[in-house]
């Protein structure tokens, strides 16, 4: 099957007629092709977006809200089809795509359909000066949205929904590794009444199509989710052009477990926060620190729980762990496991490539637990982004806080304790954009999302996203 670009409301082959193979990771087989788009395709999309912008930016909030709600309903109505496509494209269990990814994609559109009607500007009366200031929040114009492969439709919609709600026209590039649900979304947008040219979806490689987006002079803002090194490249290109930038980058998140926690709740959640989506979530708690007086008990119980996870074809109902997204990514993750012993680590469980009956060429890897003795090892300092976690003990709050912060990343942290004073102290001192206490991945779409240090620049979510995708303009009126 060949998928096409979606430009100006139409499905088009790439101008150069070049294509990229699309793999089913659970089978290790090519099952389709996607456009290998170039700057000529991006130029075509930008032309369409610029033409559509004046009318779209001047639609009423109610019109925009209605269309976004229609898209949300369209995703909901096609949930089974989209979930199957997501699972086939990404390798994640169908149960996960059905319960989390696709419903969240629908929720993203519905949330911003509602949020734009409540997004207000500010006014300031200059008392005694006979003047009033008010702030306009105006659409930017044409914006670029580049999304990753780990949560394909989930994160794709997380970007384009607020951009559209704010009245912008969008050039969007999904990951070339997982393009299918973005392609299917285009039909939903047409059926929802989205005007031609308002959303343009261009498929292709980062170094060609992606590069053309970030360097195009008429694309005024870039929202990107992906690796830290790619984010740094985007910043080097886009910052001198004075583009607005939102960069959601890597994570190497600490999971800190104190002995006064709700142990069973912590244990079950920690299995999920370690290996959900094969560990391919930027928010996974991949560095697990356990207070020393419960360390041995945790180690035994955690290994037992993880050993019960079933690795299998994503379409099997009882599969807990599916395939990694690509052969190259499987090899990268395995290379970190292979250096564990060189780094003074001990593999407590897993670490092996798995052959699944009926899917012998798929990219499967055992969930892996590695005991380490230092937070400075590569396994603790570099983002692996797979089903691999490290564990080590700590003596006290100061020690674990130092280890949690002793890294270039600062996306999220999870804290397990029933001590309120400790919760407040550590939440303030942790160098992260998100802190979860006695839970993990509990998201309220109104809250700001993002990280510090090498984990990114800016925030997404709620009104933060609408602020990013608009330009504030102050108007001062003096009167007699």
Protein backbone atom coordinates (compact mmCIF):
# COMPACT_ATOMS: atom_id res chain seq x y z
CA UNK A 1 0.00 0.00 0.00
CA UNK A 2 1.26 3.48 -0.90
CA UNK A 3 0.14 6.37 1.26
CA UNK A 4 0.17 9.93 -0.06
CA UNK A 5 0.79 13.46 1.12
CA UNK A 6 -2.24 15.52 2.07
CA UNK A 7 -1.88 19.01 0.62
CA UNK A 8 -4.60 21.59 0.04
CA UNK A 9 -7.29 19.02 0.81
CA UNK A 10 -6.03 16.51 -1.78
CA UNK A 11 -3.97 13.32 -1.67
CA UNK A 12 -0.84 13.68 -3.79
CA UNK A 13 2.18 11.59 -4.70
CA UNK A 14 5.55 13.17 -3.90
CA UNK A 15 6.70 15.48 -6.66
CA UNK A 16 9.96 13.56 -7.18
CA UNK A 17 8.07 10.23 -7.15
CA UNK A 18 10.50 8.81 -4.57
CA UNK A 19 9.28 6.42 -1.87
CA UNK A 20 10.34 4.94 1.50
CA UNK A 21 9.54 1.42 2.68
CA UNK A 22 7.23 1.20 5.69
CA UNK A 23 7.80 -1.75 8.04
CA UNK A 24 5.51 -3.74 10.28
CA UNK A 25 7.83 -4.16 13.32
CA UNK A 26 5.92 -7.12 14.74
CA UNK A 27 6.68 -9.08 11.56
CA UNK A 28 9.87 -7.38 10.43
CA UNK A 29 8.36 -7.02 6.97
CA UNK A 30 7.68 -4.18 4.53
CA UNK A 31 3.96 -3.67 4.20
CA UNK A 32 3.74 -0.35 2.38
CA UNK A 33 5.49 2.75 1.10
CA UNK A 34 5.37 6.40 2.06
CA UNK A 35 6.41 9.56 0.18
CA UNK A 36 10.05 10.56 0.38
CA UNK A 37 9.10 14.22 0.21
CA UNK A 38 11.51 17.04 -0.60
CA UNK A 39 11.52 20.80 -0.22
CA UNK A 40 9.38 21.03 -3.36
CA UNK A 41 6.58 19.17 -1.58
CA UNK A 42 6.98 21.41 1.46
CA UNK A 43 6.84 24.47 -0.79
CA UNK A 44 3.59 23.24 -2.29
CA UNK A 45 2.15 22.75 1.20
CA UNK A 46 3.28 26.19 2.38
CA UNK A 47 1.68 27.82 -0.66
CA UNK A 48 -1.60 26.08 0.16
CA UNK A 49 -1.37 27.06 3.83
CA UNK A 50 -0.63 30.71 3.07
CA UNK A 51 -3.62 30.83 0.74
CA UNK A 52 -5.90 29.32 3.40
CA UNK A 53 -4.65 31.40 6.33
CA UNK A 54 -6.59 34.68 5.92
CA UNK A 55 -9.97 32.96 5.86
CA UNK A 56 -9.15 30.39 8.56
CA UNK A 57 -7.67 32.93 11.00
CA UNK A 58 -10.83 35.02 10.66
CA UNK A 59 -13.31 32.22 11.30
CA UNK A 60 -15.33 32.60 14.47
CA UNK A 61 -14.25 30.66 17.53
CA UNK A 62 -17.50 28.74 17.34
CA UNK A 63 -16.77 27.65 13.75
CA UNK A 64 -13.27 26.47 14.63
CA UNK A 65 -14.53 24.75 17.75
CA UNK A 66 -17.24 22.92 15.81
CA UNK A 67 -14.79 21.62 13.18
CA UNK A 68 -12.32 20.44 15.83
CA UNK A 69 -15.16 18.69 17.66
CA UNK A 70 -16.12 17.01 14.39
CA UNK A 71 -12.54 15.74 14.01
CA UNK A 72 -12.60 14.43 17.60
CA UNK A 73 -15.84 12.57 16.86
CA UNK A 74 -14.41 11.22 13.60
CA UNK A 75 -11.42 9.76 15.46
CA UNK A 76 -13.77 8.26 18.04
CA UNK A 77 -15.96 6.72 15.35
CA UNK A 78 -12.97 5.11 13.64
CA UNK A 79 -11.24 3.96 16.82
CA UNK A 80 -10.98 0.25 15.88
CA UNK A 81 -9.53 1.00 12.43
CA UNK A 82 -7.07 3.56 13.80
CA UNK A 83 -5.98 1.31 16.67
CA UNK A 84 -5.24 -1.57 14.28
CA UNK A 85 -3.24 0.77 12.05
CA UNK A 86 -1.31 2.15 15.03
CA UNK A 87 -0.47 -1.28 16.38
CA UNK A 88 0.63 -2.55 12.98
CA UNK A 89 2.75 0.53 12.30
CA UNK A 90 4.35 0.88 15.73
CA UNK A 91 4.46 -2.64 17.22
CA UNK A 92 2.60 -1.67 20.40
CA UNK A 93 -0.09 -3.99 21.78
CA UNK A 94 -3.47 -3.43 20.16
CA UNK A 95 -4.98 -3.23 23.64
CA UNK A 96 -2.77 -0.21 24.42
CA UNK A 97 -3.57 1.57 21.17
CA UNK A 98 -7.29 0.93 21.71
CA UNK A 99 -7.38 2.01 25.35
CA UNK A 100 -4.90 4.90 25.37
CA UNK A 101 -3.46 6.19 22.09
CA UNK A 102 -6.53 6.63 19.92
CA UNK A 103 -8.93 7.80 22.66
CA UNK A 104 -6.33 10.37 23.72
CA UNK A 105 -6.01 11.61 20.11
CA UNK A 106 -9.75 12.22 20.07
CA UNK A 107 -9.57 13.90 23.47
CA UNK A 108 -6.81 16.23 22.27
CA UNK A 109 -9.04 17.63 19.55
CA UNK A 110 -12.06 17.89 21.84
CA UNK A 111 -10.06 19.58 24.57
CA UNK A 112 -8.77 22.32 22.29
CA UNK A 113 -12.16 22.65 20.62
CA UNK A 114 -13.43 23.64 24.06
CA UNK A 115 -10.32 25.50 25.26
CA UNK A 116 -10.28 27.99 22.39
CA UNK A 117 -13.72 29.24 23.41
CA UNK A 118 -12.38 29.98 26.91
CA UNK A 119 -9.01 31.45 25.91
CA UNK A 120 -9.18 35.09 26.98
CA UNK A 121 -6.99 38.15 26.66
CA UNK A 122 -6.03 40.64 29.36
CA UNK A 123 -6.94 44.27 29.94
CA UNK A 124 -5.23 46.77 32.28
CA UNK A 125 -6.71 50.09 33.23
CA UNK A 126 -4.04 52.73 33.86
CA UNK A 127 -5.82 54.48 36.71
CA UNK A 128 -5.17 58.23 36.83
CA UNK A 129 -3.63 58.29 33.37
CA UNK A 130 -6.87 58.04 31.41
CA UNK A 131 -5.61 55.04 29.46
CA UNK A 132 -6.43 51.38 29.01
CA UNK A 133 -4.25 48.56 27.69
CA UNK A 134 -5.60 45.37 26.24
CA UNK A 135 -3.83 42.40 24.70
CA UNK A 136 -4.78 40.75 21.44
CA UNK A 137 -3.87 37.10 20.93
CA UNK A 138 -3.47 36.68 17.18
CA UNK A 139 -2.73 33.68 15.00
CA UNK A 140 0.91 33.36 13.95
CA UNK A 141 0.36 32.23 10.36
CA UNK A 142 1.87 29.05 8.96
CA UNK A 143 3.42 26.78 11.60
CA UNK A 144 5.35 23.51 11.46
CA UNK A 145 4.56 20.48 13.65
CA UNK A 146 6.95 17.51 13.68
CA UNK A 147 5.96 14.50 15.79
CA UNK A 148 7.71 11.28 16.91
CA UNK A 149 7.09 7.56 16.39
CA UNK A 150 6.46 6.34 19.94
CA UNK A 151 2.89 7.70 20.35
CA UNK A 152 2.13 8.49 16.72
CA UNK A 153 -1.43 9.83 16.55
CA UNK A 154 -1.52 10.77 20.25
CA UNK A 155 1.38 13.26 19.93
CA UNK A 156 0.56 14.30 16.35
CA UNK A 157 -2.85 15.57 17.47
CA UNK A 158 -1.35 17.08 20.65
CA UNK A 159 0.45 19.54 18.36
CA UNK A 160 -1.89 20.19 15.47
CA UNK A 161 -5.10 20.57 17.51
CA UNK A 162 -3.99 23.71 19.44
CA UNK A 163 -2.30 25.11 16.34
CA UNK A 164 -5.55 24.85 14.38
CA UNK A 165 -7.66 26.03 17.30
CA UNK A 166 -5.58 29.21 17.52
CA UNK A 167 -6.28 29.96 13.85
CA UNK A 168 -3.01 28.88 12.29
CA UNK A 169 -2.47 26.81 9.18
CA UNK A 170 -0.23 23.80 9.69
CA UNK A 171 2.50 21.93 7.84
CA UNK A 172 2.75 18.65 9.75
CA UNK A 173 5.29 15.85 9.38
CA UNK A 174 4.66 12.61 11.26
CA UNK A 175 7.56 10.26 11.84
CA UNK A 176 8.50 8.35 8.72
CA UNK A 177 8.63 5.23 10.90
CA UNK A 178 4.94 5.42 11.89
CA UNK A 179 3.01 7.42 9.26
CA UNK A 180 -0.21 5.47 8.88
CA UNK A 181 -2.59 7.04 11.39
CA UNK A 182 -1.60 10.56 10.32
CA UNK A 183 -2.51 9.54 6.78
CA UNK A 184 -5.88 8.21 7.95
CA UNK A 185 -6.49 11.41 9.91
CA UNK A 186 -6.54 13.42 6.68
CA UNK A 187 -9.76 11.74 5.54
CA UNK A 188 -11.32 12.43 8.92
CA UNK A 189 -10.40 16.12 8.57
CA UNK A 190 -12.00 16.30 5.13
CA UNK A 191 -15.18 14.70 6.44
CA UNK A 192 -15.19 17.10 9.42
CA UNK A 193 -15.32 20.14 7.15
CA UNK A 194 -11.78 21.43 7.66
CA UNK A 195 -11.12 23.88 4.81
CA UNK A 196 -8.55 22.97 2.18
CA UNK A 197 -4.99 24.03 2.97
CA UNK A 198 -5.55 24.57 6.69
CA UNK A 199 -3.83 21.27 7.57
CA UNK A 200 -1.20 19.81 5.26
CA UNK A 201 0.43 16.47 6.12
CA UNK A 202 3.73 15.81 4.36
CA UNK A 203 5.54 12.51 4.83
CA UNK A 204 9.27 11.97 4.56
CA UNK A 205 12.65 11.90 6.26
CA UNK A 206 13.82 14.37 8.86
CA UNK A 207 16.91 15.36 6.90
CA UNK A 208 14.88 16.28 3.82
CA UNK A 209 11.21 17.03 4.51
CA UNK A 210 11.83 17.93 8.15
CA UNK A 211 14.77 20.14 7.28
CA UNK A 212 12.70 21.93 4.63
CA UNK A 213 10.06 22.71 7.27
CA UNK A 214 12.42 24.12 9.88
CA UNK A 215 14.33 26.31 7.42
CA UNK A 216 11.37 27.63 5.39
CA UNK A 217 11.16 31.41 5.88
CA UNK A 218 7.34 31.47 5.77
CA UNK A 219 6.92 28.91 8.57
CA UNK A 220 6.93 31.11 11.65
CA UNK A 221 6.91 28.58 14.49
CA UNK A 222 8.15 25.03 15.02
CA UNK A 223 6.75 22.52 17.49
CA UNK A 224 8.92 19.41 17.68
CA UNK A 225 8.93 16.29 19.82
CA UNK A 226 11.88 13.91 19.51
CA UNK A 227 15.51 13.37 20.42
CA UNK A 228 17.67 15.97 22.15
CA UNK A 229 20.33 16.04 19.42
CA UNK A 230 17.68 16.67 16.75
CA UNK A 231 16.18 19.40 18.92
CA UNK A 232 19.57 21.08 19.18
CA UNK A 233 19.90 20.98 15.38
CA UNK A 234 16.45 22.52 14.96
CA UNK A 235 17.35 25.29 17.40
CA UNK A 236 20.58 26.06 15.55
CA UNK A 237 18.63 26.38 12.31
CA UNK A 238 15.45 28.09 13.47
CA UNK A 239 16.64 30.43 16.23
CA UNK A 240 18.67 32.74 13.93
CA UNK A 241 15.52 33.00 11.78
CA UNK A 242 13.60 34.21 14.89
CA UNK A 243 11.04 31.43 14.74
CA UNK A 244 9.08 30.51 17.86
CA UNK A 245 10.28 27.16 19.17
CA UNK A 246 8.68 24.48 21.33
CA UNK A 247 11.03 21.53 21.79
CA UNK A 248 9.91 18.46 23.74
CA UNK A 249 13.03 16.31 23.93
CA UNK A 250 14.56 13.37 25.77
CA UNK A 251 14.13 12.09 29.29
CA UNK A 252 15.92 9.83 31.75
CA UNK A 253 13.45 9.97 34.55
CA UNK A 254 14.05 9.02 38.20
CA UNK A 255 11.58 6.85 40.08
CA UNK A 256 12.28 7.37 43.81
CA UNK A 257 10.77 4.83 46.19
CA UNK A 258 10.71 5.41 49.95
CA UNK A 259 9.82 2.72 52.47
CA UNK A 260 6.75 4.60 53.71
CA UNK A 261 4.97 4.28 50.35
CA UNK A 262 1.87 2.23 49.54
CA UNK A 263 4.00 -0.75 48.53
CA UNK A 264 1.60 -2.76 46.37
CA UNK A 265 0.35 0.27 44.48
CA UNK A 266 3.96 1.36 43.92
CA UNK A 267 5.03 -2.07 42.70
CA UNK A 268 2.24 -2.44 40.16
CA UNK A 269 2.66 1.12 38.89
CA UNK A 270 6.44 0.77 38.65
CA UNK A 271 6.09 -2.24 36.35
CA UNK A 272 3.89 -0.11 34.10
CA UNK A 273 6.06 3.01 34.31
CA UNK A 274 9.09 0.91 33.37
CA UNK A 275 7.77 -1.10 30.43
CA UNK A 276 4.58 0.46 29.04
CA UNK A 277 4.82 0.78 25.25
CA UNK A 278 8.02 -1.30 25.42
CA UNK A 279 9.63 1.48 27.45
CA UNK A 280 9.29 3.78 24.45
CA UNK A 281 7.70 6.67 26.31
CA UNK A 282 9.77 9.75 27.16
CA UNK A 283 8.13 9.73 30.62
CA UNK A 284 9.06 6.16 31.60
CA UNK A 285 10.85 5.89 34.93
CA UNK A 286 14.02 4.27 33.67
CA UNK A 287 16.20 4.99 36.74
CA UNK A 288 14.68 3.33 39.81
CA UNK A 289 16.06 4.34 43.20
CA UNK A 290 14.87 2.35 46.25
CA UNK A 291 15.41 3.15 49.92
CA UNK A 292 17.92 0.63 51.24
CA UNK A 293 15.71 -0.91 53.95
CA UNK A 294 13.25 -2.23 51.33
CA UNK A 295 15.73 -2.71 48.49
CA UNK A 296 16.08 -6.49 48.62
CA UNK A 297 12.34 -7.02 48.98
CA UNK A 298 11.64 -4.69 46.04
CA UNK A 299 14.26 -6.38 43.88
CA UNK A 300 12.73 -9.82 44.44
CA UNK A 301 9.14 -8.65 43.97
CA UNK A 302 9.90 -6.50 40.93
CA UNK A 303 11.73 -9.30 39.12
CA UNK A 304 8.82 -11.65 39.85
CA UNK A 305 6.24 -9.18 38.49
CA UNK A 306 8.25 -8.39 35.36
CA UNK A 307 8.83 -12.08 34.65
CA UNK A 308 5.05 -12.49 34.35
CA UNK A 309 4.78 -10.00 31.46
CA UNK A 310 4.01 -11.77 28.20
CA UNK A 311 6.00 -10.79 25.13
CA UNK A 312 4.03 -11.42 21.98
CA UNK A 313 2.44 -10.30 18.75
CA UNK A 314 0.71 -6.95 19.36
CA UNK A 315 -2.56 -8.39 18.07
CA UNK A 316 -2.68 -11.17 20.66
CA UNK A 317 -5.09 -10.12 23.41
CA UNK A 318 -2.86 -11.35 26.22
CA UNK A 319 0.36 -9.66 24.99
CA UNK A 320 1.75 -7.20 27.53
CA UNK A 321 4.89 -6.31 25.60
CA UNK A 322 4.91 -5.89 21.82
CA UNK A 323 7.67 -5.25 19.31
CA UNK A 324 10.15 -2.39 19.34
CA UNK A 325 9.52 0.10 16.57
CA UNK A 326 12.34 -0.85 14.17
CA UNK A 327 15.30 -3.16 13.69
CA UNK A 328 17.72 -0.26 14.09
CA UNK A 329 16.14 0.76 17.37
CA UNK A 330 16.20 -2.84 18.65
CA UNK A 331 19.93 -2.98 17.91
CA UNK A 332 20.52 0.35 19.68
CA UNK A 333 18.69 -0.76 22.82
CA UNK A 334 20.46 -4.14 22.84
CA UNK A 335 23.83 -2.39 22.57
CA UNK A 336 23.21 -0.72 25.94
CA UNK A 337 22.36 -4.04 27.54
CA UNK A 338 25.56 -5.52 26.13
CA UNK A 339 27.74 -2.94 27.91
CA UNK A 340 26.09 -3.46 31.28
CA UNK A 341 28.82 -5.69 32.67
CA UNK A 342 31.56 -3.37 31.39
CA UNK A 343 29.90 -0.62 33.41
CA UNK A 344 29.80 -2.69 36.58
CA UNK A 345 26.14 -3.57 36.18
CA UNK A 346 24.45 -6.91 36.68
CA UNK A 347 21.57 -8.09 34.53
CA UNK A 348 18.99 -9.33 37.02
CA UNK A 349 16.35 -10.22 34.46
CA UNK A 350 15.87 -10.24 30.69
CA UNK A 351 18.23 -8.69 28.19
CA UNK A 352 17.63 -11.16 25.37
CA UNK A 353 16.13 -10.78 21.92
CA UNK A 354 12.99 -12.90 21.73
CA UNK A 355 11.58 -14.96 18.88
CA UNK A 356 7.78 -14.93 18.81
CA UNK A 357 6.06 -17.87 17.13
CA UNK A 358 4.43 -16.75 13.90
CA UNK A 359 6.37 -13.47 14.00
CA UNK A 360 9.90 -14.81 13.89
CA UNK A 361 11.34 -11.74 12.12
CA UNK A 362 9.78 -9.22 14.50
CA UNK A 363 11.73 -6.88 16.76
CA UNK A 364 11.08 -8.30 20.23
CA UNK A 365 13.18 -7.81 23.36
CA UNK A 366 12.75 -9.06 26.92
CA UNK A 367 12.00 -6.42 29.56
CA UNK A 368 15.37 -5.92 31.23
CA UNK A 369 16.33 -5.07 34.81
CA UNK A 370 19.95 -4.08 35.48
CA UNK A 371 21.42 -3.47 38.92
CA UNK A 372 23.99 -0.66 38.90
CA UNK A 373 26.27 0.75 41.58
CA UNK A 374 26.77 4.28 40.26
CA UNK A 375 24.48 6.95 38.85
CA UNK A 376 27.35 8.08 36.60
CA UNK A 377 27.31 5.02 34.34
CA UNK A 378 26.09 5.28 30.72
CA UNK A 379 23.08 3.16 31.54
CA UNK A 380 21.93 5.87 33.95
CA UNK A 381 23.11 8.93 32.04
CA UNK A 382 21.98 8.23 28.47
CA UNK A 383 18.46 7.81 27.15
CA UNK A 384 17.98 4.20 26.03
CA UNK A 385 14.27 4.52 25.18
CA UNK A 386 13.44 0.87 25.38
CA UNK A 387 12.36 -1.84 27.86
CA UNK A 388 15.43 -1.36 30.07
CA UNK A 389 15.54 -0.03 33.63
CA UNK A 390 18.30 0.24 36.20
CA UNK A 391 17.87 -0.16 39.94
CA UNK A 392 20.04 0.94 42.85
CA UNK A 393 19.57 1.68 46.54
CA UNK A 394 19.86 4.95 48.43
CA UNK A 395 20.34 5.82 52.09
CA UNK A 396 18.48 9.11 52.52
CA UNK A 397 16.59 11.94 50.88
CA UNK A 398 19.67 14.07 50.15
CA UNK A 399 21.44 11.20 48.40
CA UNK A 400 18.55 10.28 46.12
CA UNK A 401 17.85 13.93 45.30
CA UNK A 402 21.45 14.40 44.22
CA UNK A 403 21.26 11.31 41.98
CA UNK A 404 17.87 12.30 40.55
CA UNK A 405 19.19 15.73 39.55
CA UNK A 406 22.65 14.50 38.53
CA UNK A 407 21.87 14.19 34.83
CA UNK A 408 21.52 16.39 31.74
CA UNK A 409 17.79 15.66 31.41
CA UNK A 410 14.89 17.05 33.41
CA UNK A 411 11.56 15.90 32.03
CA UNK A 412 9.68 14.07 34.80
CA UNK A 413 10.17 12.40 38.16
CA UNK A 414 8.08 9.98 40.20
CA UNK A 415 8.13 10.07 43.98
CA UNK A 416 6.68 7.32 46.18
CA UNK A 417 6.15 8.43 49.78
CA UNK A 418 3.35 9.18 52.24
CA UNK A 419 5.43 11.82 54.03
CA UNK A 420 3.87 15.18 53.16
CA UNK A 421 6.90 17.20 54.29
CA UNK A 422 9.18 15.12 52.09
CA UNK A 423 6.76 15.46 49.18
CA UNK A 424 6.79 19.24 49.40
CA UNK A 425 10.56 19.51 49.92
CA UNK A 426 11.51 17.21 47.08
CA UNK A 427 8.89 18.45 44.61
CA UNK A 428 10.42 21.92 44.87
CA UNK A 429 14.01 20.70 44.57
CA UNK A 430 13.65 18.20 41.73
CA UNK A 431 14.99 19.65 38.47
CA UNK A 432 12.15 18.46 36.26
CA UNK A 433 9.14 19.88 34.48
CA UNK A 434 6.75 17.30 35.95
CA UNK A 435 6.62 15.55 39.34
CA UNK A 436 4.23 12.68 39.99
CA UNK A 437 3.67 11.72 43.62
CA UNK A 438 2.26 8.23 44.29
CA UNK A 439 1.17 7.90 40.66
CA UNK A 440 2.58 7.93 37.14
CA UNK A 441 1.38 9.37 33.82
CA UNK A 442 -1.76 10.81 35.33
CA UNK A 443 -2.40 13.68 32.91
CA UNK A 444 -4.83 16.57 33.11
CA UNK A 445 -4.88 18.21 29.67
CA UNK A 446 -5.14 21.66 31.29
CA UNK A 447 -1.67 21.41 32.85
CA UNK A 448 1.65 22.51 31.32
CA UNK A 449 3.78 19.71 29.88
CA UNK A 450 7.51 19.90 29.23
CA UNK A 451 10.96 19.64 30.69
CA UNK A 452 14.06 21.57 31.71
CA UNK A 453 17.74 21.29 30.82
CA UNK A 454 18.28 18.96 27.83
CA UNK A 455 14.66 17.82 27.99
CA UNK A 456 13.43 20.82 26.08
CA UNK A 457 12.29 24.38 25.73
CA UNK A 458 8.76 25.66 26.28
CA UNK A 459 5.56 23.97 27.41
CA UNK A 460 2.66 22.25 25.71
CA UNK A 461 -0.82 21.55 27.02
CA UNK A 462 -3.78 23.69 28.03
CA UNK A 463 -3.51 27.42 27.56
CA UNK A 464 0.29 27.08 27.36
CA UNK A 465 -0.13 25.54 23.89
CA UNK A 466 -2.57 28.25 22.81
CA UNK A 467 -0.14 30.91 24.04
CA UNK A 468 2.65 29.32 22.01
CA UNK A 469 0.56 29.23 18.85
CA UNK A 470 -0.48 32.89 19.13
CA UNK A 471 1.36 36.22 19.17
CA UNK A 472 0.42 38.73 21.90
CA UNK A 473 -0.09 42.32 20.78
CA UNK A 474 -0.64 45.08 23.30
CA UNK A 475 -2.95 47.97 22.38
CA UNK A 476 -2.82 51.13 24.51
CA UNK A 477 -5.62 53.68 24.19
CA UNK A 478 -5.42 57.09 25.81
CA UNK A 479 -8.69 58.99 26.23
CA UNK A 480 -9.88 62.40 27.45
